[in-house]
Amino acid sequence: MRETEVALFGNGCFWCTEAIFQKLKGVESVLPGYAGGQMAHPDYKSVCTGETGHAEVLQVVFDPDVISYRQLLQIFFLTHDPTQLNRQGNDVGTQYRSIIFALTPEQRLTAEAALKEAQSPDLWGPDVVTEISGPARFWEAEASHHDFFTRNPSNAYCNAVVAPKLQKARRQFLSLMRDDM
């Protein structure tokens, strides 16, 4: 049996980037959820208040022999705006913050290097606000949030926000995308 690893990222609304990570070679599963807050068993309604401390996150299970954590971080940084504090576009609040939950010491070192690279003038520059945090408990989101783009391709939000992000990822990371694109 292959050894898998887990990555935990908050990069705005989980609907916006779940589909991107699902399309990557070596990614075995992507679950939307919540992490980084104080409330046990949070739900979407409570997280949206901004009072739980949780961020909307994706739990990405991947095969490191096919796609590396470093590559996942490159995709993380290029498929959201890490210079926006507590927001992504029209989604505003601490639940939409840019955050990497490093689950191992190796992930922390890799995340720190990726953050430094993202802060280079060639990418985002010094205004990157992405946090790097230690391990956090992951709380799976309600089923209605799973596979949102796949289940709701004609949704106005999906067409305006998710589809362009997926197209951008496809252009920039074509070699990492599954053949069934």
N, C-alpha and C. Protein backbone atom coordinates (compact mmCIF):
# COMPACT_ATOMS: atom_id res chain seq x y z
N MET A 1 0.84 -1.19 0.00
CA MET A 1 0.00 0.00 0.00
C MET A 1 0.88 1.25 0.00
N ARG A 2 0.48 2.24 -0.80
CA ARG A 2 1.22 3.48 -0.87
C ARG A 2 1.06 4.28 0.40
N GLU A 3 2.11 4.97 0.77
CA GLU A 3 2.04 5.89 1.89
C GLU A 3 1.52 7.23 1.40
N THR A 4 0.50 7.75 2.05
CA THR A 4 -0.01 9.07 1.70
C THR A 4 0.35 10.06 2.79
N GLU A 5 0.25 11.32 2.45
CA GLU A 5 0.44 12.40 3.40
C GLU A 5 -0.80 13.29 3.35
N VAL A 6 -0.90 14.16 4.35
CA VAL A 6 -2.03 15.07 4.44
C VAL A 6 -1.52 16.50 4.49
N ALA A 7 -2.16 17.36 3.71
CA ALA A 7 -1.90 18.80 3.75
C ALA A 7 -3.18 19.49 4.20
N LEU A 8 -3.04 20.61 4.90
CA LEU A 8 -4.19 21.35 5.38
C LEU A 8 -3.97 22.83 5.07
N PHE A 9 -4.80 23.36 4.16
CA PHE A 9 -4.65 24.73 3.67
C PHE A 9 -5.94 25.51 3.83
N GLY A 10 -5.80 26.79 4.18
CA GLY A 10 -6.92 27.72 4.12
C GLY A 10 -6.57 28.79 3.10
N ASN A 11 -7.30 28.82 2.02
CA ASN A 11 -7.02 29.82 0.98
C ASN A 11 -8.31 30.43 0.46
N GLY A 12 -9.09 30.96 1.41
CA GLY A 12 -10.36 31.57 1.06
C GLY A 12 -11.48 30.56 1.12
N CYS A 13 -12.51 30.83 0.39
CA CYS A 13 -13.68 29.95 0.35
C CYS A 13 -13.29 28.58 -0.17
N PHE A 14 -13.65 27.53 0.55
CA PHE A 14 -13.24 26.20 0.11
C PHE A 14 -13.89 25.78 -1.19
N TRP A 15 -15.02 26.36 -1.55
CA TRP A 15 -15.62 26.06 -2.85
C TRP A 15 -14.69 26.47 -3.98
N CYS A 16 -13.92 27.54 -3.75
CA CYS A 16 -13.11 28.14 -4.82
C CYS A 16 -11.92 27.28 -5.24
N THR A 17 -11.37 26.52 -4.33
CA THR A 17 -10.15 25.79 -4.68
C THR A 17 -10.25 24.27 -4.54
N GLU A 18 -11.34 23.78 -3.97
CA GLU A 18 -11.51 22.34 -3.85
C GLU A 18 -11.36 21.65 -5.21
N ALA A 19 -12.02 22.19 -6.23
CA ALA A 19 -11.99 21.56 -7.56
C ALA A 19 -10.59 21.53 -8.15
N ILE A 20 -9.79 22.54 -7.85
CA ILE A 20 -8.41 22.57 -8.37
C ILE A 20 -7.62 21.41 -7.80
N PHE A 21 -7.63 21.26 -6.49
CA PHE A 21 -6.85 20.19 -5.87
C PHE A 21 -7.39 18.81 -6.25
N GLN A 22 -8.70 18.69 -6.48
CA GLN A 22 -9.26 17.41 -6.90
C GLN A 22 -8.75 16.97 -8.27
N LYS A 23 -8.35 17.91 -9.10
CA LYS A 23 -7.93 17.61 -10.47
C LYS A 23 -6.44 17.26 -10.58
N LEU A 24 -5.72 17.27 -9.49
CA LEU A 24 -4.28 17.04 -9.52
C LEU A 24 -3.92 15.56 -9.46
N LYS A 25 -2.96 15.17 -10.28
CA LYS A 25 -2.41 13.81 -10.20
C LYS A 25 -1.83 13.61 -8.81
N GLY A 26 -2.06 12.46 -8.25
CA GLY A 26 -1.49 12.14 -6.95
C GLY A 26 -2.34 12.58 -5.76
N VAL A 27 -3.38 13.35 -6.01
CA VAL A 27 -4.27 13.75 -4.92
C VAL A 27 -5.36 12.69 -4.82
N GLU A 28 -5.44 12.09 -3.65
CA GLU A 28 -6.38 10.98 -3.45
C GLU A 28 -7.74 11.44 -2.94
N SER A 29 -7.75 12.51 -2.14
CA SER A 29 -9.03 13.05 -1.66
C SER A 29 -8.84 14.49 -1.23
N VAL A 30 -9.94 15.23 -1.32
CA VAL A 30 -9.98 16.62 -0.87
C VAL A 30 -11.28 16.81 -0.11
N LEU A 31 -11.16 17.22 1.12
CA LEU A 31 -12.35 17.45 1.95
C LEU A 31 -12.38 18.90 2.40
N PRO A 32 -13.50 19.59 2.23
CA PRO A 32 -13.64 20.93 2.80
C PRO A 32 -13.95 20.81 4.29
N GLY A 33 -13.49 21.80 5.02
CA GLY A 33 -13.77 21.79 6.45
C GLY A 33 -13.31 23.05 7.12
N TYR A 34 -13.09 22.93 8.42
CA TYR A 34 -12.75 24.08 9.26
C TYR A 34 -11.60 23.69 10.18
N ALA A 35 -10.73 24.66 10.45
CA ALA A 35 -9.60 24.40 11.36
C ALA A 35 -9.09 25.72 11.92
N GLY A 36 -8.41 25.62 13.03
CA GLY A 36 -7.72 26.78 13.60
C GLY A 36 -8.51 27.57 14.61
N GLY A 37 -9.70 27.12 14.96
CA GLY A 37 -10.53 27.88 15.89
C GLY A 37 -10.72 27.17 17.21
N GLN A 38 -11.54 27.78 18.04
CA GLN A 38 -11.77 27.26 19.39
C GLN A 38 -13.02 26.39 19.50
N MET A 39 -13.98 26.57 18.61
CA MET A 39 -15.26 25.88 18.73
C MET A 39 -15.15 24.42 18.28
N ALA A 40 -15.65 23.51 19.12
CA ALA A 40 -15.72 22.11 18.73
C ALA A 40 -16.94 21.90 17.84
N HIS A 41 -16.81 21.02 16.88
CA HIS A 41 -17.90 20.67 15.96
C HIS A 41 -18.52 21.90 15.29
N PRO A 42 -17.69 22.74 14.68
CA PRO A 42 -18.25 23.92 14.03
C PRO A 42 -19.07 23.55 12.79
N ASP A 43 -19.97 24.43 12.43
CA ASP A 43 -20.72 24.27 11.19
C ASP A 43 -20.56 25.56 10.37
N TYR A 44 -21.01 25.50 9.14
CA TYR A 44 -20.83 26.62 8.22
C TYR A 44 -21.42 27.91 8.76
N LYS A 45 -22.62 27.82 9.30
CA LYS A 45 -23.30 29.02 9.81
C LYS A 45 -22.49 29.67 10.93
N SER A 46 -21.98 28.86 11.85
CA SER A 46 -21.22 29.43 12.97
C SER A 46 -19.87 29.97 12.51
N VAL A 47 -19.21 29.29 11.57
CA VAL A 47 -17.92 29.76 11.07
C VAL A 47 -18.10 31.08 10.33
N CYS A 48 -19.20 31.24 9.61
CA CYS A 48 -19.46 32.47 8.85
C CYS A 48 -19.65 33.69 9.75
N THR A 49 -19.92 33.48 11.03
CA THR A 49 -20.04 34.63 11.93
C THR A 49 -18.68 35.28 12.19
N GLY A 50 -17.60 34.53 11.94
CA GLY A 50 -16.26 35.04 12.22
C GLY A 50 -15.89 34.96 13.69
N GLU A 51 -16.74 34.36 14.49
CA GLU A 51 -16.51 34.33 15.94
C GLU A 51 -15.93 33.01 16.45
N THR A 52 -15.78 32.02 15.59
CA THR A 52 -15.27 30.71 16.04
C THR A 52 -13.75 30.63 16.00
N GLY A 53 -13.12 31.52 15.23
CA GLY A 53 -11.67 31.46 15.03
C GLY A 53 -11.26 30.49 13.94
N HIS A 54 -12.21 29.74 13.39
CA HIS A 54 -11.88 28.76 12.35
C HIS A 54 -11.70 29.43 11.00
N ALA A 55 -10.87 28.83 10.18
CA ALA A 55 -10.75 29.18 8.77
C ALA A 55 -11.41 28.08 7.96
N GLU A 56 -11.95 28.45 6.81
CA GLU A 56 -12.39 27.43 5.85
C GLU A 56 -11.13 26.83 5.26
N VAL A 57 -11.04 25.51 5.28
CA VAL A 57 -9.81 24.84 4.84
C VAL A 57 -10.13 23.65 3.93
N LEU A 58 -9.08 23.18 3.30
CA LEU A 58 -9.13 21.94 2.55
C LEU A 58 -8.15 20.95 3.16
N GLN A 59 -8.61 19.73 3.39
CA GLN A 59 -7.73 18.65 3.80
C GLN A 59 -7.43 17.85 2.53
N VAL A 60 -6.16 17.86 2.14
CA VAL A 60 -5.74 17.23 0.90
C VAL A 60 -4.90 16.00 1.23
N VAL A 61 -5.37 14.82 0.85
CA VAL A 61 -4.62 13.59 1.02
C VAL A 61 -3.94 13.31 -0.31
N PHE A 62 -2.62 13.14 -0.27
CA PHE A 62 -1.86 13.02 -1.52
C PHE A 62 -0.76 11.97 -1.43
N ASP A 63 -0.35 11.51 -2.60
CA ASP A 63 0.75 10.55 -2.72
C ASP A 63 2.01 11.35 -3.03
N PRO A 64 2.95 11.45 -2.09
CA PRO A 64 4.14 12.27 -2.31
C PRO A 64 5.08 11.72 -3.38
N ASP A 65 4.85 10.48 -3.82
CA ASP A 65 5.64 9.94 -4.93
C ASP A 65 5.14 10.46 -6.27
N VAL A 66 3.93 11.05 -6.28
CA VAL A 66 3.35 11.58 -7.51
C VAL A 66 3.35 13.11 -7.52
N ILE A 67 2.98 13.71 -6.39
CA ILE A 67 2.97 15.17 -6.26
C ILE A 67 3.53 15.51 -4.89
N SER A 68 4.41 16.46 -4.85
CA SER A 68 5.07 16.80 -3.59
C SER A 68 4.29 17.87 -2.82
N TYR A 69 4.58 17.95 -1.55
CA TYR A 69 4.00 19.00 -0.71
C TYR A 69 4.40 20.36 -1.25
N ARG A 70 5.62 20.48 -1.71
CA ARG A 70 6.12 21.73 -2.29
C ARG A 70 5.28 22.13 -3.51
N GLN A 71 4.95 21.17 -4.36
CA GLN A 71 4.11 21.47 -5.53
C GLN A 71 2.71 21.90 -5.09
N LEU A 72 2.17 21.25 -4.08
CA LEU A 72 0.86 21.66 -3.56
C LEU A 72 0.90 23.09 -3.04
N LEU A 73 2.01 23.46 -2.40
CA LEU A 73 2.15 24.83 -1.91
C LEU A 73 2.26 25.83 -3.06
N GLN A 74 2.93 25.47 -4.13
CA GLN A 74 3.00 26.36 -5.29
C GLN A 74 1.59 26.61 -5.84
N ILE A 75 0.80 25.56 -5.91
CA ILE A 75 -0.58 25.70 -6.40
C ILE A 75 -1.40 26.52 -5.41
N PHE A 76 -1.21 26.28 -4.12
CA PHE A 76 -1.88 27.06 -3.07
C PHE A 76 -1.62 28.55 -3.28
N PHE A 77 -0.37 28.93 -3.46
CA PHE A 77 -0.03 30.35 -3.57
C PHE A 77 -0.50 30.98 -4.88
N LEU A 78 -0.60 30.20 -5.93
CA LEU A 78 -0.97 30.79 -7.22
C LEU A 78 -2.46 30.69 -7.55
N THR A 79 -3.25 30.11 -6.66
CA THR A 79 -4.67 30.01 -6.94
C THR A 79 -5.54 30.78 -5.94
N HIS A 80 -4.90 31.64 -5.17
CA HIS A 80 -5.62 32.62 -4.35
C HIS A 80 -4.70 33.82 -4.18
N ASP A 81 -5.22 34.89 -3.63
CA ASP A 81 -4.42 36.10 -3.44
C ASP A 81 -3.94 36.15 -1.99
N PRO A 82 -2.69 35.76 -1.74
CA PRO A 82 -2.20 35.70 -0.36
C PRO A 82 -1.85 37.07 0.22
N THR A 83 -2.14 38.15 -0.52
CA THR A 83 -1.88 39.49 0.01
C THR A 83 -3.13 40.11 0.62
N GLN A 84 -4.27 39.43 0.53
CA GLN A 84 -5.51 39.95 1.09
C GLN A 84 -5.69 39.42 2.51
N LEU A 85 -5.72 40.33 3.46
CA LEU A 85 -5.87 39.94 4.86
C LEU A 85 -7.33 39.64 5.16
N ASN A 86 -7.57 38.42 5.61
CA ASN A 86 -8.91 37.99 6.05
C ASN A 86 -9.98 38.20 4.97
N ARG A 87 -9.61 37.88 3.74
CA ARG A 87 -10.58 37.97 2.66
C ARG A 87 -10.02 37.32 1.41
N GLN A 88 -10.91 37.00 0.50
CA GLN A 88 -10.58 36.62 -0.87
C GLN A 88 -11.68 37.22 -1.72
N GLY A 89 -11.34 38.25 -2.47
CA GLY A 89 -12.35 38.91 -3.29
C GLY A 89 -13.46 39.46 -2.44
N ASN A 90 -14.71 39.07 -2.76
CA ASN A 90 -15.87 39.55 -2.01
C ASN A 90 -16.14 38.76 -0.74
N ASP A 91 -15.40 37.68 -0.51
CA ASP A 91 -15.56 36.89 0.71
C ASP A 91 -14.69 37.52 1.79
N VAL A 92 -15.32 38.09 2.81
CA VAL A 92 -14.60 38.86 3.83
C VAL A 92 -14.83 38.25 5.20
N GLY A 93 -13.76 38.12 5.97
CA GLY A 93 -13.83 37.62 7.34
C GLY A 93 -12.63 36.74 7.64
N THR A 94 -12.34 36.56 8.90
CA THR A 94 -11.17 35.76 9.29
C THR A 94 -11.27 34.32 8.82
N GLN A 95 -12.49 33.84 8.56
CA GLN A 95 -12.65 32.47 8.06
C GLN A 95 -12.09 32.31 6.65
N TYR A 96 -11.80 33.41 5.97
CA TYR A 96 -11.25 33.35 4.61
C TYR A 96 -9.76 33.68 4.58
N ARG A 97 -9.12 33.64 5.73
CA ARG A 97 -7.70 33.99 5.78
C ARG A 97 -6.84 32.98 5.04
N SER A 98 -5.67 33.44 4.64
CA SER A 98 -4.68 32.59 3.97
C SER A 98 -3.81 31.96 5.05
N ILE A 99 -3.88 30.63 5.17
CA ILE A 99 -3.16 29.95 6.25
C ILE A 99 -2.74 28.56 5.81
N ILE A 100 -1.55 28.18 6.23
CA ILE A 100 -1.02 26.84 6.02
C ILE A 100 -0.88 26.20 7.41
N PHE A 101 -1.51 25.07 7.61
CA PHE A 101 -1.35 24.33 8.85
C PHE A 101 -0.28 23.26 8.58
N ALA A 102 0.93 23.50 9.06
CA ALA A 102 2.03 22.55 8.87
C ALA A 102 1.83 21.41 9.86
N LEU A 103 1.63 20.21 9.34
CA LEU A 103 1.30 19.08 10.20
C LEU A 103 2.52 18.32 10.70
N THR A 104 3.68 18.61 10.12
CA THR A 104 4.94 17.98 10.55
C THR A 104 6.04 19.03 10.52
N PRO A 105 7.14 18.77 11.20
CA PRO A 105 8.27 19.72 11.12
C PRO A 105 8.77 19.89 9.68
N GLU A 106 8.74 18.83 8.89
CA GLU A 106 9.18 18.92 7.49
C GLU A 106 8.24 19.82 6.70
N GLN A 107 6.94 19.69 6.94
CA GLN A 107 5.99 20.57 6.26
C GLN A 107 6.22 22.03 6.65
N ARG A 108 6.54 22.28 7.90
CA ARG A 108 6.79 23.66 8.33
C ARG A 108 7.99 24.24 7.58
N LEU A 109 9.06 23.49 7.48
CA LEU A 109 10.25 23.98 6.76
C LEU A 109 9.92 24.24 5.29
N THR A 110 9.18 23.34 4.68
CA THR A 110 8.80 23.50 3.28
C THR A 110 7.87 24.70 3.12
N ALA A 111 6.93 24.86 4.03
CA ALA A 111 6.00 25.99 3.98
C ALA A 111 6.74 27.31 4.16
N GLU A 112 7.70 27.35 5.07
CA GLU A 112 8.47 28.58 5.27
C GLU A 112 9.25 28.95 4.02
N ALA A 113 9.83 27.95 3.35
CA ALA A 113 10.57 28.21 2.11
C ALA A 113 9.62 28.68 1.01
N ALA A 114 8.44 28.07 0.92
CA ALA A 114 7.45 28.47 -0.09
C ALA A 114 6.93 29.88 0.18
N LEU A 115 6.75 30.21 1.44
CA LEU A 115 6.31 31.56 1.80
C LEU A 115 7.36 32.59 1.40
N LYS A 116 8.60 32.28 1.67
CA LYS A 116 9.68 33.19 1.29
C LYS A 116 9.71 33.39 -0.22
N GLU A 117 9.51 32.30 -0.96
CA GLU A 117 9.47 32.39 -2.42
C GLU A 117 8.27 33.23 -2.88
N ALA A 118 7.12 33.05 -2.24
CA ALA A 118 5.93 33.82 -2.60
C ALA A 118 6.13 35.31 -2.34
N GLN A 119 6.98 35.65 -1.38
CA GLN A 119 7.24 37.04 -1.05
C GLN A 119 8.27 37.69 -1.98
N SER A 120 8.78 36.95 -2.94
CA SER A 120 9.75 37.52 -3.87
C SER A 120 9.04 38.51 -4.80
N PRO A 121 9.78 39.49 -5.30
CA PRO A 121 9.18 40.48 -6.21
C PRO A 121 8.60 39.85 -7.48
N ASP A 122 9.08 38.67 -7.87
CA ASP A 122 8.58 38.01 -9.07
C ASP A 122 7.21 37.38 -8.88
N LEU A 123 6.82 37.15 -7.63
CA LEU A 123 5.51 36.56 -7.37
C LEU A 123 4.60 37.60 -6.72
N TRP A 124 4.43 37.54 -5.40
CA TRP A 124 3.48 38.42 -4.72
C TRP A 124 4.14 39.60 -4.02
N GLY A 125 5.44 39.51 -3.75
CA GLY A 125 6.13 40.60 -3.05
C GLY A 125 5.96 40.54 -1.55
N PRO A 126 6.37 41.61 -0.89
CA PRO A 126 6.41 41.60 0.58
C PRO A 126 5.05 41.69 1.27
N ASP A 127 3.98 41.87 0.53
CA ASP A 127 2.67 42.06 1.14
C ASP A 127 1.93 40.77 1.45
N VAL A 128 2.58 39.62 1.30
CA VAL A 128 1.94 38.34 1.59
C VAL A 128 1.58 38.27 3.08
N VAL A 129 0.34 37.91 3.36
CA VAL A 129 -0.15 37.83 4.75
C VAL A 129 -0.43 36.40 5.19
N THR A 130 -0.03 35.42 4.39
CA THR A 130 -0.27 34.02 4.72
C THR A 130 0.36 33.66 6.06
N GLU A 131 -0.42 33.02 6.91
CA GLU A 131 0.07 32.53 8.19
C GLU A 131 0.57 31.10 8.03
N ILE A 132 1.57 30.74 8.80
CA ILE A 132 1.96 29.34 8.93
C ILE A 132 1.71 28.97 10.39
N SER A 133 0.89 27.97 10.59
CA SER A 133 0.53 27.53 11.92
C SER A 133 0.92 26.07 12.09
N GLY A 134 0.90 25.62 13.31
CA GLY A 134 1.16 24.22 13.57
C GLY A 134 -0.07 23.38 13.30
N PRO A 135 -0.01 22.11 13.67
CA PRO A 135 -1.15 21.22 13.44
C PRO A 135 -2.41 21.75 14.11
N ALA A 136 -3.53 21.52 13.47
CA ALA A 136 -4.82 21.92 14.02
C ALA A 136 -5.83 20.81 13.76
N ARG A 137 -6.79 20.71 14.62
CA ARG A 137 -7.85 19.73 14.43
C ARG A 137 -8.68 20.12 13.21
N PHE A 138 -8.92 19.16 12.35
CA PHE A 138 -9.74 19.37 11.16
C PHE A 138 -11.15 18.90 11.45
N TRP A 139 -12.11 19.78 11.14
CA TRP A 139 -13.52 19.46 11.28
C TRP A 139 -14.13 19.44 9.88
N GLU A 140 -14.61 18.30 9.46
CA GLU A 140 -15.17 18.17 8.12
C GLU A 140 -16.44 19.02 7.97
N ALA A 141 -16.53 19.71 6.84
CA ALA A 141 -17.71 20.53 6.54
C ALA A 141 -18.91 19.64 6.21
N GLU A 142 -20.05 20.23 6.25
CA GLU A 142 -21.29 19.55 5.93
C GLU A 142 -21.24 19.02 4.50
N ALA A 143 -21.97 17.95 4.25
CA ALA A 143 -21.96 17.29 2.94
C ALA A 143 -22.35 18.24 1.81
N SER A 144 -23.15 19.23 2.08
CA SER A 144 -23.58 20.16 1.03
C SER A 144 -22.41 20.96 0.46
N HIS A 145 -21.29 20.99 1.16
CA HIS A 145 -20.11 21.73 0.69
C HIS A 145 -19.13 20.84 -0.07
N HIS A 146 -19.31 19.54 0.00
CA HIS A 146 -18.41 18.61 -0.68
C HIS A 146 -18.66 18.64 -2.19
N ASP A 147 -17.57 18.62 -2.97
CA ASP A 147 -17.68 18.58 -4.43
C ASP A 147 -18.61 19.67 -4.96
N PHE A 148 -18.53 20.84 -4.37
CA PHE A 148 -19.50 21.90 -4.69
C PHE A 148 -19.48 22.29 -6.16
N PHE A 149 -18.32 22.51 -6.71
CA PHE A 149 -18.23 22.92 -8.12
C PHE A 149 -18.73 21.81 -9.04
N THR A 150 -18.36 20.58 -8.75
CA THR A 150 -18.78 19.45 -9.57
C THR A 150 -20.30 19.30 -9.55
N ARG A 151 -20.90 19.49 -8.40
CA ARG A 151 -22.35 19.33 -8.26
C ARG A 151 -23.14 20.56 -8.71
N ASN A 152 -22.47 21.72 -8.80
CA ASN A 152 -23.17 22.97 -9.09
C ASN A 152 -22.48 23.77 -10.21
N PRO A 153 -22.23 23.15 -11.35
CA PRO A 153 -21.45 23.84 -12.39
C PRO A 153 -22.15 25.08 -12.97
N SER A 154 -23.46 25.17 -12.86
CA SER A 154 -24.15 26.34 -13.40
C SER A 154 -24.42 27.41 -12.34
N ASN A 155 -23.99 27.18 -11.12
CA ASN A 155 -24.13 28.16 -10.05
C ASN A 155 -23.38 29.44 -10.45
N ALA A 156 -23.99 30.59 -10.23
CA ALA A 156 -23.39 31.87 -10.63
C ALA A 156 -22.02 32.09 -9.97
N TYR A 157 -21.92 31.77 -8.69
CA TYR A 157 -20.64 31.93 -7.98
C TYR A 157 -19.57 31.03 -8.59
N CYS A 158 -19.96 29.80 -8.90
CA CYS A 158 -19.01 28.86 -9.51
C CYS A 158 -18.52 29.38 -10.86
N ASN A 159 -19.44 29.91 -11.65
CA ASN A 159 -19.07 30.44 -12.97
C ASN A 159 -18.20 31.67 -12.86
N ALA A 160 -18.48 32.53 -11.90
CA ALA A 160 -17.75 33.79 -11.78
C ALA A 160 -16.40 33.64 -11.08
N VAL A 161 -16.30 32.71 -10.14
CA VAL A 161 -15.10 32.63 -9.30
C VAL A 161 -14.34 31.31 -9.48
N VAL A 162 -15.04 30.19 -9.35
CA VAL A 162 -14.36 28.89 -9.35
C VAL A 162 -13.83 28.53 -10.74
N ALA A 163 -14.66 28.65 -11.76
CA ALA A 163 -14.24 28.26 -13.12
C ALA A 163 -12.99 29.00 -13.58
N PRO A 164 -12.89 30.33 -13.39
CA PRO A 164 -11.65 31.01 -13.80
C PRO A 164 -10.42 30.53 -13.02
N LYS A 165 -10.58 30.23 -11.74
CA LYS A 165 -9.45 29.72 -10.95
C LYS A 165 -9.00 28.36 -11.48
N LEU A 166 -9.96 27.53 -11.83
CA LEU A 166 -9.65 26.20 -12.36
C LEU A 166 -8.95 26.33 -13.72
N GLN A 167 -9.41 27.23 -14.55
CA GLN A 167 -8.76 27.46 -15.85
C GLN A 167 -7.33 27.97 -15.67
N LYS A 168 -7.12 28.87 -14.72
CA LYS A 168 -5.78 29.39 -14.44
C LYS A 168 -4.86 28.27 -13.98
N ALA A 169 -5.35 27.44 -13.08
CA ALA A 169 -4.55 26.31 -12.58
C ALA A 169 -4.21 25.35 -13.71
N ARG A 170 -5.18 25.09 -14.56
CA ARG A 170 -4.95 24.19 -15.69
C ARG A 170 -3.84 24.73 -16.60
N ARG A 171 -3.88 26.03 -16.87
CA ARG A 171 -2.84 26.65 -17.72
C ARG A 171 -1.47 26.58 -17.06
N GLN A 172 -1.40 26.90 -15.78
CA GLN A 172 -0.11 27.01 -15.10
C GLN A 172 0.46 25.68 -14.65
N PHE A 173 -0.40 24.69 -14.44
CA PHE A 173 0.06 23.42 -13.89
C PHE A 173 -0.42 22.24 -14.72
N LEU A 174 -0.46 22.39 -16.02
CA LEU A 174 -1.01 21.36 -16.90
C LEU A 174 -0.37 20.00 -16.67
N SER A 175 0.96 19.97 -16.47
CA SER A 175 1.64 18.68 -16.29
C SER A 175 1.24 17.97 -15.01
N LEU A 176 0.66 18.70 -14.06
CA LEU A 176 0.24 18.09 -12.79
C LEU A 176 -1.23 17.69 -12.77
N MET A 177 -1.94 18.06 -13.83
CA MET A 177 -3.38 17.79 -13.88
C MET A 177 -3.65 16.37 -14.35
N ARG A 178 -4.71 15.80 -13.85
CA ARG A 178 -5.15 14.46 -14.27
C ARG A 178 -5.53 14.51 -15.74
N ASP A 179 -5.45 13.36 -16.39
CA ASP A 179 -5.77 13.27 -17.80
C ASP A 179 -7.26 13.43 -18.08
N ASP A 180 -8.09 13.22 -17.05
CA ASP A 180 -9.54 13.30 -17.26
C ASP A 180 -10.06 14.73 -17.21
N MET A 181 -9.19 15.69 -17.37
CA MET A 181 -9.59 17.10 -17.37
C MET A 181 -10.37 17.35 -18.60
